[in-house]
Structure formats: structure tokens, C-alpha cells
Amino acid sequence: MINKKINKLVGLKKSEFDQFLASGKIQAQPIRLIPTYKTGDEMALTSIFLSTLRLVKEYRDSLFKEIKLSRNGRIHYFSEVCIPELDPGRIDGLILIESKGVIMDAAFFEMKHKAHIQDEEQITQYLSICKTLKVNKLITVSNEFVTNPLESPLSVKVPKNITLYHFSWTYLITKGQILLFKNDTNIEDDDQVEIMREVLHYFENPLSGVKGYTQMKPGWKELAENVRNGKPLSKEDAYIKEAVTSWQEEEKDLALMLSRRLGVFVKIKNRDIQSDVKKVVDDQSLQSSLSIKDSVSEIKVRADFTTRVLSMAVTVTPPQDKGTVARITWIGKQLETCNKKSPDLFDKLSKDIWIEADIRYVRNHLMVSLKDLDTLQEVAKGKDIQSFNIILNEGFGPNFSSPKKFVELLEKMSLNYYEGIVQHLSNWIPKAPKLSEEA
């Protein structure tokens, strides 16, 4: 029986760690890709997830890079980790990085599934354990969404030199799915491709306990109905913060859904809750933007609580070496291309498409419906059009305040807008300058 106290993991010799394991001073279980836990058990998810990191190099490299965990050395994985002399509770996962017989880096994992959320008291205690053991990374995973991994669904005080990360299960699934697309992040080994496919098949099954964002919080409906009824809004209203939180969570889920369909990560801009609370109180709307690699522009999304309309827009740059009429003709041909390539979908969307001409030095831009595009030539005569915004407006009516229906309609609209319009648009690219004859 080893009598030495456990006062660190990072910096500890691996042989000493093994002695602690053998003596029971550290208790831990090996991970298994096919665990014996019941399907849907939290520990089954933990074991499968950590096993996927162990077995699929590109998946491991991607996550380790994100949490700044060293990829040099031997990697050891454990689940159900308990150190009784520090705390009787079990931490779901542990990764150790060993180099030259010494543990050089480590990370703890705490996993939740289904409707279970991260517990503030529990995570505070785990952060204390991290501090004692000189482990500078704690990763939480649940079905809760955050804008980026350095944000947490909890308001906890994180000790100096420790980083608290959070991932949604949807995000971790999306990372795996993108690796299966034919791009520069492919999984090279065919066997590892099959492992990744099988793991994703398990995670995507409803019985696994993993779920995406399916409905807005109750505050969303209260906000929508209060605006509809003309009630005054206050930044101090708790239901408004809840509605804004829902918007930002759904924004992240929407970006991940598009990422899975496109094979590249769709990015969103980080915003704090209070800035969106101010936005909705000031003008009864919320905005977002989705940035997609090689797309004509970012997609701007706006939810208007007053009109109960959801808008999506991209900006297209026309030829700057042509006149106003030629620029309008050019954007018309762009939209004709959309119609030719996705005729059924474009026809369905066409009645809700608007074209806004961005005029130089003019605050109020010109806007016409798609069917009235020809009239733009007359009203824009003599004006310098810098760009066009292609806008899709959809009135949600009573469904705008429905927590579940709003999410369904928003996600369907985003897919239709991208497939029917955005993916077919392109910006004007100026020709390379030509050399002049030498004088």
C-alpha cells in the first residue's frame, strides 16, 4: 500500500500513477468502444467518445488542438475516475499525456446527456480538484449549446491557470461528420473511417441521449406575445434574457446543422447576452450572421417580433466597371441562374424574395420585389449601386411565438434559402490588370 499523498497528476511519474491505481488511492476504469453499460447511459457515451479519440487520429487531433492538449507522447484514457482522499465523487473521464515516463499534460471530462444540465456545485468542486492536481483543463459536455468552447453554460469562478471548456454533443457529432466529407480534413485510414461512421450512428440514435436544439425556452413565447400585445419591455425582465439565450443557442445549432450538410464549419459571431437583450428591447428584433467558407457573403438572419417575419439576406457585389443598368441586368441574370439550377425550390421562394440596391452616399437604399426587378432600372437611374442584398422574407404568423414550430420553420427556411439561392450566387471579380507598353 502506497502511503504517499496525491498532490499532483501533471508532473507525476507514470509509474507512481500506476501504483496509486493498484492501491485504490486512484480509482478508474478502462474505456471501451463497445461498453457493457446500458444504451443511453452517460458512462456509455463517455466510454465511446473517449475511445473514438483514441482510435481516430484526425478526430483526436482536431479536439486536442481545440483544448490545447499536447499531442506529443503516450496518451492514456480512463473513465469513472475517483480520488477518495480528495472527493468521493466520480469524474467521468480523464486523459493523461505521458512523455519520458512523466505525466506532462492532462484533462478531466464531465459529461451529461438527455435533459441533464451541468451542475454548478459539481463543476466548482471539480475545478478545485484540478487546481490541487495541477490539471489545467476541465471539459464539460452536454446537450447545452454555447457560442464557442470557451463559454460555459454555468457561471462559475474558474481558478487562475485552469481553462474550462464546454462542448455540446451536437458540436462533437458535427466535428466527426465533417471528417467524413471529401475535403482536406479527411480521415486517411479506411478502418478509422468505419469506426467514425459507427460511432456517429450510435450518437445520432435518439436512444443515446444525444439531442439537438428542438425548441426555444418559454421566455421566447412570452416575449413574442408581449410584443404582439404592445406591452412595454425592460432589460431587467428575466423572460427576455431567456428568449435571447434561446436565440443564441438556436443560432449555434443552426450553424452546426448547416455545417453537417455542407462539410465545412459554419461560423457565427460571438455576442454577449446583454447586447442582444438591448437590441430586442430597443427595436423588438434579434439578428445573427452565419459565415460559410467560399459563400458569396455571410448570411444575415433577422427575427422581427413586431411583424413576426424572419428574414435572411446575402450581399452580392456587381461589376464595378459597368453602369447602373448593366449592374441591374447582371443581378437579374444571377437570379435566373438560381431559377435554372433549382427551379422547383426557387419557384416556391420567389414570391418572398426582395432585392435591395445599396446606393453610394445614400442612407435609404432602394428595395423591390423580385417580380418588380425591372422597375429598379428607372428608380435607380443615375445612382451608383455598390451592391445588392438578396433578401428572403417569410411571415411565420402565430408560429413565430411557438417554441417548437419556430425552430422547425427557421431550420427549414435556412436550408431552402441556401439551396435555392445562396449556393448559386457569385460576386463580380475584377480582371487582373494588364501591363502597359514601356514608354
Protein backbone atom coordinates (compact mmCIF):
# COMPACT_ATOMS: atom_id res chain seq x y z
CA MET A 1 0.00 0.00 0.00
CA ILE A 2 1.50 3.31 -1.10
CA ASN A 3 1.29 5.95 1.66
CA LYS A 4 2.25 8.99 -0.40
CA LYS A 5 -0.44 11.68 -0.68
CA ILE A 6 -1.77 12.57 -4.11
CA ASN A 7 -0.94 16.24 -4.65
CA LYS A 8 -0.50 16.29 -8.42
CA LEU A 9 -1.13 14.45 -11.66
CA VAL A 10 0.77 16.69 -14.03
CA GLY A 11 4.43 16.24 -13.09
CA LEU A 12 3.80 12.82 -11.52
CA LYS A 13 5.76 9.82 -12.75
CA LYS A 14 3.52 7.42 -14.67
CA SER A 15 4.88 4.55 -12.55
CA GLU A 16 3.65 6.34 -9.42
CA PHE A 17 0.25 6.88 -11.02
CA ASP A 18 0.08 3.14 -11.71
CA GLN A 19 0.92 2.42 -8.07
CA PHE A 20 -1.90 4.72 -6.96
CA LEU A 21 -4.22 2.79 -9.27
CA ALA A 22 -3.10 -0.57 -7.93
CA SER A 23 -3.56 0.57 -4.33
CA GLY A 24 -7.00 2.04 -4.92
CA LYS A 25 -5.93 5.56 -3.98
CA ILE A 26 -6.89 6.42 -7.55
CA GLN A 27 -9.86 4.51 -8.92
CA ALA A 28 -10.52 4.43 -12.67
CA GLN A 29 -11.97 2.21 -15.38
CA PRO A 30 -10.57 1.44 -18.83
CA ILE A 31 -12.52 2.87 -21.76
CA ARG A 32 -14.26 0.64 -24.30
CA LEU A 33 -15.53 1.40 -27.79
CA ILE A 34 -18.28 -1.15 -27.14
CA PRO A 35 -19.00 -0.74 -23.43
CA THR A 36 -21.23 -3.02 -21.39
CA TYR A 37 -23.26 -0.12 -19.99
CA LYS A 38 -26.91 0.13 -20.97
CA THR A 39 -27.57 2.01 -24.22
CA GLY A 40 -28.14 5.66 -23.42
CA ASP A 41 -26.18 5.54 -20.16
CA GLU A 42 -23.98 8.57 -19.57
CA MET A 43 -20.94 6.40 -18.98
CA ALA A 44 -21.58 4.57 -22.24
CA LEU A 45 -21.40 7.90 -24.06
CA THR A 46 -18.21 8.80 -22.18
CA SER A 47 -16.52 5.49 -22.94
CA ILE A 48 -17.46 5.56 -26.63
CA PHE A 49 -16.44 9.19 -27.04
CA LEU A 50 -13.02 8.73 -25.40
CA SER A 51 -12.48 5.52 -27.38
CA THR A 52 -13.18 7.43 -30.58
CA LEU A 53 -10.48 9.94 -29.63
CA ARG A 54 -8.12 7.04 -29.00
CA LEU A 55 -8.87 5.24 -32.28
CA VAL A 56 -9.48 8.01 -34.85
CA LYS A 57 -6.37 10.15 -35.30
CA GLU A 58 -7.93 13.10 -37.13
CA TYR A 59 -10.78 13.34 -34.63
CA ARG A 60 -8.29 13.25 -31.75
CA ASP A 61 -6.00 15.83 -33.37
CA SER A 62 -8.92 18.18 -34.01
CA LEU A 63 -10.21 18.12 -30.44
CA PHE A 64 -6.79 18.14 -28.78
CA LYS A 65 -5.87 21.21 -30.80
CA GLU A 66 -9.06 22.94 -29.68
CA ILE A 67 -8.47 22.28 -25.98
CA LYS A 68 -4.72 22.83 -26.29
CA LEU A 69 -3.90 19.33 -25.08
CA SER A 70 -0.46 18.09 -26.05
CA ARG A 71 -0.33 15.56 -28.87
CA ASN A 72 3.28 14.54 -28.13
CA GLY A 73 3.79 11.43 -26.04
CA ARG A 74 1.82 8.36 -25.00
CA ILE A 75 -1.86 9.00 -24.36
CA HIS A 76 -3.80 7.22 -21.61
CA TYR A 77 -7.61 7.27 -21.30
CA PHE A 78 -9.76 6.48 -18.25
CA SER A 79 -13.40 6.73 -17.22
CA GLU A 80 -15.16 6.84 -13.82
CA VAL A 81 -12.19 8.46 -12.10
CA CYS A 82 -12.31 8.84 -8.33
CA ILE A 83 -9.68 10.00 -5.84
CA PRO A 84 -11.30 9.26 -2.46
CA GLU A 85 -8.88 11.31 -0.36
CA LEU A 86 -9.86 14.41 -2.37
CA ASP A 87 -13.53 13.78 -3.19
CA PRO A 88 -15.85 10.74 -3.09
CA GLY A 89 -17.45 11.67 -6.41
CA ARG A 90 -16.51 10.18 -9.77
CA ILE A 91 -15.28 12.35 -12.63
CA ASP A 92 -16.49 10.88 -15.91
CA GLY A 93 -13.27 10.96 -17.91
CA LEU A 94 -9.53 11.59 -17.76
CA ILE A 95 -6.85 11.85 -20.44
CA LEU A 96 -3.17 11.76 -19.49
CA ILE A 97 -0.23 12.63 -21.76
CA GLU A 98 2.98 10.82 -20.78
CA SER A 99 6.44 11.76 -22.01
CA LYS A 100 9.67 10.13 -20.82
CA GLY A 101 7.84 8.39 -18.00
CA VAL A 102 6.28 11.58 -16.62
CA ILE A 103 2.70 12.86 -16.96
CA MET A 104 3.19 16.13 -18.83
CA ASP A 105 -0.44 17.14 -19.51
CA ALA A 106 -3.94 16.07 -18.50
CA ALA A 107 -7.62 16.91 -18.90
CA PHE A 108 -10.74 15.93 -16.95
CA PHE A 109 -14.13 15.42 -18.62
CA GLU A 110 -17.60 15.76 -17.13
CA MET A 111 -20.42 14.51 -19.35
CA LYS A 112 -24.20 14.97 -19.25
CA HIS A 113 -26.86 13.66 -21.61
CA LYS A 114 -30.61 13.87 -22.31
CA ALA A 115 -32.10 16.84 -20.45
CA HIS A 116 -29.45 16.77 -17.73
CA ILE A 117 -27.51 20.01 -17.40
CA GLN A 118 -24.12 20.78 -15.91
CA ASP A 119 -24.24 21.33 -12.16
CA GLU A 120 -22.57 24.47 -10.78
CA GLU A 121 -21.65 22.95 -7.40
CA GLN A 122 -20.24 19.82 -9.01
CA ILE A 123 -18.12 21.73 -11.56
CA THR A 124 -16.84 24.09 -8.85
CA GLN A 125 -15.66 21.06 -6.88
CA TYR A 126 -14.01 19.54 -9.97
CA LEU A 127 -12.21 22.81 -10.64
CA SER A 128 -10.86 22.63 -7.09
CA ILE A 129 -9.61 19.09 -7.76
CA CYS A 130 -7.96 20.31 -10.98
CA LYS A 131 -6.18 23.01 -9.00
CA THR A 132 -4.94 20.52 -6.38
CA LEU A 133 -3.70 18.07 -9.02
CA LYS A 134 -2.18 20.76 -11.29
CA VAL A 135 -4.51 19.75 -14.14
CA ASN A 136 -5.22 22.89 -16.15
CA LYS A 137 -8.13 21.68 -18.30
CA LEU A 138 -11.69 20.70 -17.45
CA ILE A 139 -14.05 19.89 -20.33
CA THR A 140 -17.81 19.72 -19.85
CA VAL A 141 -20.08 18.09 -22.44
CA SER A 142 -23.87 18.15 -22.55
CA ASN A 143 -26.81 18.94 -24.84
CA GLU A 144 -26.46 22.60 -23.82
CA PHE A 145 -25.28 24.95 -26.58
CA VAL A 146 -22.67 27.72 -26.34
CA THR A 147 -21.29 30.09 -28.96
CA ASN A 148 -17.71 28.84 -28.56
CA PRO A 149 -15.91 26.25 -26.40
CA LEU A 150 -14.51 28.88 -24.04
CA GLU A 151 -18.03 29.85 -22.99
CA SER A 152 -19.78 27.83 -20.32
CA PRO A 153 -23.48 27.30 -19.63
CA LEU A 154 -22.53 27.86 -15.99
CA SER A 155 -21.49 30.97 -14.07
CA VAL A 156 -18.61 29.56 -12.06
CA LYS A 157 -15.38 31.10 -10.85
CA VAL A 158 -12.52 29.39 -12.65
CA PRO A 159 -9.19 29.31 -10.78
CA LYS A 160 -6.20 31.01 -12.36
CA ASN A 161 -4.24 28.83 -14.83
CA ILE A 162 -7.21 26.49 -15.41
CA THR A 163 -9.33 26.61 -18.57
CA LEU A 164 -12.94 25.46 -18.52
CA TYR A 165 -14.19 24.29 -21.93
CA HIS A 166 -17.69 23.28 -22.97
CA PHE A 167 -18.90 21.30 -26.00
CA SER A 168 -22.40 20.32 -26.99
CA TRP A 169 -22.86 16.75 -28.17
CA THR A 170 -24.15 18.20 -31.45
CA TYR A 171 -20.85 20.03 -31.92
CA LEU A 172 -18.82 16.86 -31.29
CA ILE A 173 -21.01 14.95 -33.76
CA THR A 174 -20.55 17.71 -36.33
CA LYS A 175 -16.74 17.52 -35.96
CA GLY A 176 -16.93 13.83 -36.76
CA GLN A 177 -19.28 14.26 -39.72
CA ILE A 178 -17.11 16.92 -41.34
CA LEU A 179 -14.17 14.50 -41.22
CA LEU A 180 -16.18 12.12 -43.42
CA PHE A 181 -16.59 14.67 -46.23
CA LYS A 182 -14.14 14.66 -49.13
CA ASN A 183 -12.01 17.62 -48.19
CA ASP A 184 -8.60 18.45 -46.76
CA THR A 185 -9.56 17.13 -43.31
CA ASN A 186 -10.34 13.59 -44.44
CA ILE A 187 -9.67 10.60 -42.20
CA GLU A 188 -6.89 8.82 -44.04
CA ASP A 189 -7.22 5.30 -42.63
CA ASP A 190 -10.19 3.37 -44.05
CA ASP A 191 -10.71 1.40 -40.84
CA GLN A 192 -10.83 4.61 -38.83
CA VAL A 193 -13.42 5.98 -41.28
CA GLU A 194 -15.64 3.00 -40.49
CA ILE A 195 -15.14 3.46 -36.74
CA MET A 196 -16.16 7.10 -37.08
CA ARG A 197 -19.27 6.14 -39.05
CA GLU A 198 -20.35 3.57 -36.45
CA VAL A 199 -19.79 5.98 -33.56
CA LEU A 200 -21.82 8.70 -35.29
CA HIS A 201 -24.57 6.17 -35.97
CA TYR A 202 -24.74 5.49 -32.23
CA PHE A 203 -24.61 9.16 -31.20
CA GLU A 204 -27.33 10.12 -33.69
CA ASN A 205 -29.73 7.47 -32.40
CA PRO A 206 -32.31 9.06 -30.04
CA LEU A 207 -31.68 6.25 -27.54
CA SER A 208 -28.11 7.51 -27.00
CA GLY A 209 -29.35 10.54 -25.06
CA VAL A 210 -27.83 12.99 -27.52
CA LYS A 211 -30.20 15.59 -28.94
CA GLY A 212 -30.07 18.84 -30.88
CA TYR A 213 -31.89 22.06 -30.15
CA THR A 214 -35.57 21.28 -30.69
CA GLN A 215 -37.43 24.18 -29.11
CA MET A 216 -37.00 27.67 -27.71
CA LYS A 217 -37.30 28.32 -23.99
CA PRO A 218 -40.64 29.52 -22.52
CA GLY A 219 -39.32 33.11 -22.43
CA TRP A 220 -39.41 33.16 -26.25
CA LYS A 221 -43.18 32.73 -26.36
CA GLU A 222 -43.70 35.28 -23.59
CA LEU A 223 -41.56 37.85 -25.39
CA ALA A 224 -43.30 37.27 -28.74
CA GLU A 225 -46.74 37.59 -27.20
CA ASN A 226 -45.85 40.67 -25.15
CA VAL A 227 -44.55 42.46 -28.24
CA ARG A 228 -47.65 41.38 -30.12
CA ASN A 229 -49.86 42.85 -27.39
CA GLY A 230 -47.85 46.07 -27.13
CA LYS A 231 -46.60 45.53 -23.60
CA PRO A 232 -43.51 47.53 -22.53
CA LEU A 233 -40.20 45.68 -22.42
CA SER A 234 -37.45 46.10 -19.83
CA LYS A 235 -33.82 44.98 -19.87
CA GLU A 236 -34.43 43.61 -16.38
CA ASP A 237 -37.16 41.20 -17.48
CA ALA A 238 -35.89 37.64 -16.87
CA TYR A 239 -38.02 36.19 -19.67
CA ILE A 240 -36.26 38.45 -22.23
CA LYS A 241 -32.86 37.12 -21.20
CA GLU A 242 -34.27 33.60 -21.50
CA ALA A 243 -35.58 34.38 -25.00
CA VAL A 244 -32.22 35.83 -26.06
CA THR A 245 -30.40 32.80 -24.66
CA SER A 246 -32.70 30.62 -26.77
CA TRP A 247 -31.92 32.67 -29.87
CA GLN A 248 -28.17 32.32 -29.37
CA GLU A 249 -28.43 28.58 -28.67
CA GLU A 250 -30.58 28.01 -31.75
CA GLU A 251 -28.14 30.13 -33.76
CA LYS A 252 -25.35 27.74 -32.79
CA ASP A 253 -27.47 24.67 -33.53
CA LEU A 254 -28.42 26.15 -36.92
CA ALA A 255 -24.75 26.73 -37.77
CA LEU A 256 -23.92 23.15 -36.82
CA MET A 257 -26.82 21.78 -38.88
CA LEU A 258 -25.56 23.65 -41.95
CA SER A 259 -22.01 22.52 -41.17
CA ARG A 260 -23.10 18.87 -41.27
CA ARG A 261 -24.84 19.39 -44.62
CA LEU A 262 -22.01 21.38 -46.22
CA GLY A 263 -18.95 19.60 -44.84
CA VAL A 264 -17.34 22.81 -43.55
CA PHE A 265 -17.81 24.57 -40.24
CA VAL A 266 -20.27 27.44 -40.43
CA LYS A 267 -19.13 30.20 -38.11
CA ILE A 268 -21.14 32.68 -36.06
CA LYS A 269 -20.10 35.93 -34.43
CA ASN A 270 -19.74 35.99 -30.67
CA ARG A 271 -22.12 38.35 -28.87
CA ASP A 272 -22.85 38.79 -25.21
CA ILE A 273 -26.37 38.24 -23.89
CA GLN A 274 -26.84 41.85 -22.78
CA SER A 275 -26.18 43.31 -26.24
CA ASP A 276 -28.97 41.15 -27.68
CA VAL A 277 -31.25 41.99 -24.75
CA LYS A 278 -30.73 45.68 -25.54
CA LYS A 279 -31.40 45.02 -29.22
CA VAL A 280 -34.74 43.33 -28.60
CA VAL A 281 -35.85 45.95 -26.07
CA ASP A 282 -34.86 48.85 -28.35
CA ASP A 283 -36.35 47.67 -31.65
CA GLN A 284 -38.12 44.34 -30.98
CA SER A 285 -35.79 42.32 -33.18
CA LEU A 286 -32.86 39.93 -32.96
CA GLN A 287 -30.09 39.47 -35.50
CA SER A 288 -27.49 36.87 -36.33
CA SER A 289 -24.99 36.11 -39.07
CA LEU A 290 -23.70 32.84 -40.50
CA SER A 291 -20.31 32.78 -42.18
CA ILE A 292 -19.78 30.00 -44.72
CA LYS A 293 -16.46 29.40 -46.43
CA ASP A 294 -16.49 30.46 -50.11
CA SER A 295 -20.11 31.69 -49.91
CA VAL A 296 -20.94 34.97 -51.68
CA SER A 297 -21.20 36.67 -48.27
CA GLU A 298 -22.25 35.94 -44.72
CA ILE A 299 -25.94 35.18 -44.28
CA LYS A 300 -27.65 37.77 -42.11
CA VAL A 301 -30.66 36.49 -40.18
CA ARG A 302 -33.22 38.80 -38.54
CA ALA A 303 -36.25 37.92 -36.44
CA ASP A 304 -38.76 40.79 -36.22
CA PHE A 305 -41.14 40.35 -33.28
CA THR A 306 -43.41 43.19 -34.42
CA THR A 307 -44.18 41.78 -37.87
CA ARG A 308 -43.45 38.14 -36.93
CA VAL A 309 -41.26 37.93 -40.03
CA LEU A 310 -37.94 36.10 -40.33
CA SER A 311 -35.51 37.50 -42.89
CA MET A 312 -32.35 36.06 -44.43
CA ALA A 313 -30.04 38.08 -46.68
CA VAL A 314 -26.75 37.87 -48.53
CA THR A 315 -24.82 40.68 -50.21
CA VAL A 316 -23.65 40.38 -53.83
CA THR A 317 -21.11 42.69 -55.46
CA PRO A 318 -21.93 43.55 -59.13
CA PRO A 319 -19.41 44.61 -61.82
CA GLN A 320 -17.93 47.92 -60.75
CA ASP A 321 -16.70 48.67 -64.27
CA LYS A 322 -20.25 48.85 -65.72
CA GLY A 323 -23.11 51.31 -65.45
CA THR A 324 -26.26 51.12 -63.29
CA VAL A 325 -28.47 49.41 -65.89
CA ALA A 326 -25.79 46.79 -66.62
CA ARG A 327 -25.43 46.07 -62.90
CA ILE A 328 -29.18 45.52 -62.53
CA THR A 329 -29.18 43.27 -65.61
CA TRP A 330 -26.25 41.35 -64.11
CA ILE A 331 -28.05 40.63 -60.80
CA GLY A 332 -31.14 39.60 -62.78
CA LYS A 333 -29.05 37.00 -64.63
CA GLN A 334 -27.67 35.76 -61.28
CA LEU A 335 -31.21 35.12 -60.09
CA GLU A 336 -32.10 33.47 -63.41
CA THR A 337 -29.22 31.07 -62.75
CA CYS A 338 -30.74 30.24 -59.35
CA ASN A 339 -34.03 29.52 -61.09
CA LYS A 340 -32.42 27.26 -63.68
CA LYS A 341 -30.40 25.25 -61.16
CA SER A 342 -33.12 24.83 -58.50
CA PRO A 343 -36.36 25.52 -60.39
CA ASP A 344 -38.89 23.96 -58.01
CA LEU A 345 -37.35 25.45 -54.89
CA PHE A 346 -36.75 28.86 -56.45
CA ASP A 347 -40.35 29.00 -57.66
CA LYS A 348 -41.51 28.27 -54.12
CA LEU A 349 -39.35 31.05 -52.69
CA SER A 350 -39.73 33.65 -55.45
CA LYS A 351 -42.80 35.44 -54.05
CA ASP A 352 -40.87 36.21 -50.84
CA ILE A 353 -37.62 37.37 -52.49
CA TRP A 354 -36.66 41.05 -52.39
CA ILE A 355 -33.70 42.84 -53.98
CA GLU A 356 -32.21 45.80 -52.15
CA ALA A 357 -29.82 48.07 -54.04
CA ASP A 358 -27.13 49.63 -51.86
CA ILE A 359 -26.59 53.15 -53.24
CA ARG A 360 -23.36 55.03 -52.59
CA TYR A 361 -23.75 58.03 -50.23
CA VAL A 362 -27.46 57.28 -49.65
CA ARG A 363 -28.76 56.13 -46.27
CA ASN A 364 -32.07 54.70 -47.50
CA HIS A 365 -31.47 52.02 -50.11
CA LEU A 366 -33.85 51.04 -52.90
CA MET A 367 -35.83 47.83 -52.47
CA VAL A 368 -38.10 46.00 -54.91
CA SER A 369 -39.69 42.56 -55.02
CA LEU A 370 -38.26 40.01 -57.44
CA LYS A 371 -41.26 40.36 -59.78
CA ASP A 372 -40.66 44.13 -59.95
CA LEU A 373 -36.91 43.95 -60.58
CA ASP A 374 -37.28 45.70 -63.96
CA THR A 375 -38.65 48.82 -62.24
CA LEU A 376 -35.34 49.21 -60.41
CA GLN A 377 -33.70 50.45 -63.62
CA GLU A 378 -35.90 53.54 -63.66
CA VAL A 379 -35.76 54.42 -59.94
CA ALA A 380 -32.01 53.80 -59.73
CA LYS A 381 -31.20 55.84 -62.83
CA GLY A 382 -28.13 58.00 -62.29
CA LYS A 383 -27.32 56.34 -58.95
CA ASP A 384 -24.17 54.36 -58.09
CA ILE A 385 -25.17 50.84 -56.96
CA GLN A 386 -22.41 49.36 -54.80
CA SER A 387 -24.02 46.02 -54.01
CA PHE A 388 -27.28 44.08 -53.94
CA ASN A 389 -28.85 42.39 -50.93
CA ILE A 390 -30.88 39.32 -51.87
CA ILE A 391 -33.46 39.01 -49.11
CA LEU A 392 -35.89 36.23 -48.29
CA ASN A 393 -38.76 37.30 -46.01
CA GLU A 394 -41.07 34.70 -44.53
CA GLY A 395 -44.00 35.56 -42.28
CA PHE A 396 -44.31 32.98 -39.52
CA GLY A 397 -47.60 34.32 -38.15
CA PRO A 398 -48.73 32.56 -34.94
CA ASN A 399 -45.87 30.05 -35.36
CA PHE A 400 -43.40 32.84 -34.55
CA SER A 401 -44.28 32.53 -30.85
CA SER A 402 -44.41 28.72 -30.88
CA PRO A 403 -41.19 27.46 -29.19
CA LYS A 404 -41.09 24.25 -31.24
CA LYS A 405 -42.55 25.41 -34.55
CA PHE A 406 -40.26 28.44 -34.72
CA VAL A 407 -37.18 26.20 -34.63
CA GLU A 408 -38.62 23.87 -37.29
CA LEU A 409 -39.50 26.73 -39.65
CA LEU A 410 -36.19 28.56 -39.11
CA GLU A 411 -34.12 25.47 -39.93
CA LYS A 412 -36.25 24.58 -42.97
CA MET A 413 -36.06 28.17 -44.26
CA SER A 414 -32.26 28.30 -43.89
CA LEU A 415 -31.79 25.09 -45.87
CA ASN A 416 -34.17 26.24 -48.62
CA TYR A 417 -32.57 29.68 -48.83
CA TYR A 418 -29.08 28.27 -49.13
CA GLU A 419 -30.00 25.51 -51.58
CA GLY A 420 -32.31 27.59 -53.76
CA ILE A 421 -30.42 30.88 -53.81
CA VAL A 422 -27.16 31.35 -51.89
CA GLN A 423 -25.16 28.45 -53.31
CA HIS A 424 -25.76 29.69 -56.89
CA LEU A 425 -24.71 33.32 -56.37
CA SER A 426 -21.25 34.74 -57.04
CA ASN A 427 -19.55 38.11 -56.73
CA TRP A 428 -18.03 40.01 -59.62
CA ILE A 429 -14.28 39.54 -59.73
CA PRO A 430 -12.27 42.28 -61.45
CA LYS A 431 -9.87 41.16 -64.14
CA ALA A 432 -6.17 41.26 -63.42
CA PRO A 433 -4.52 44.49 -64.62
CA LYS A 434 -2.54 44.28 -67.85
CA LEU A 435 0.96 45.52 -68.35
CA SER A 436 1.22 48.68 -70.44
CA GLU A 437 3.88 49.14 -73.07
CA GLU A 438 7.04 50.70 -71.76
CA ALA A 439 7.38 54.37 -72.53
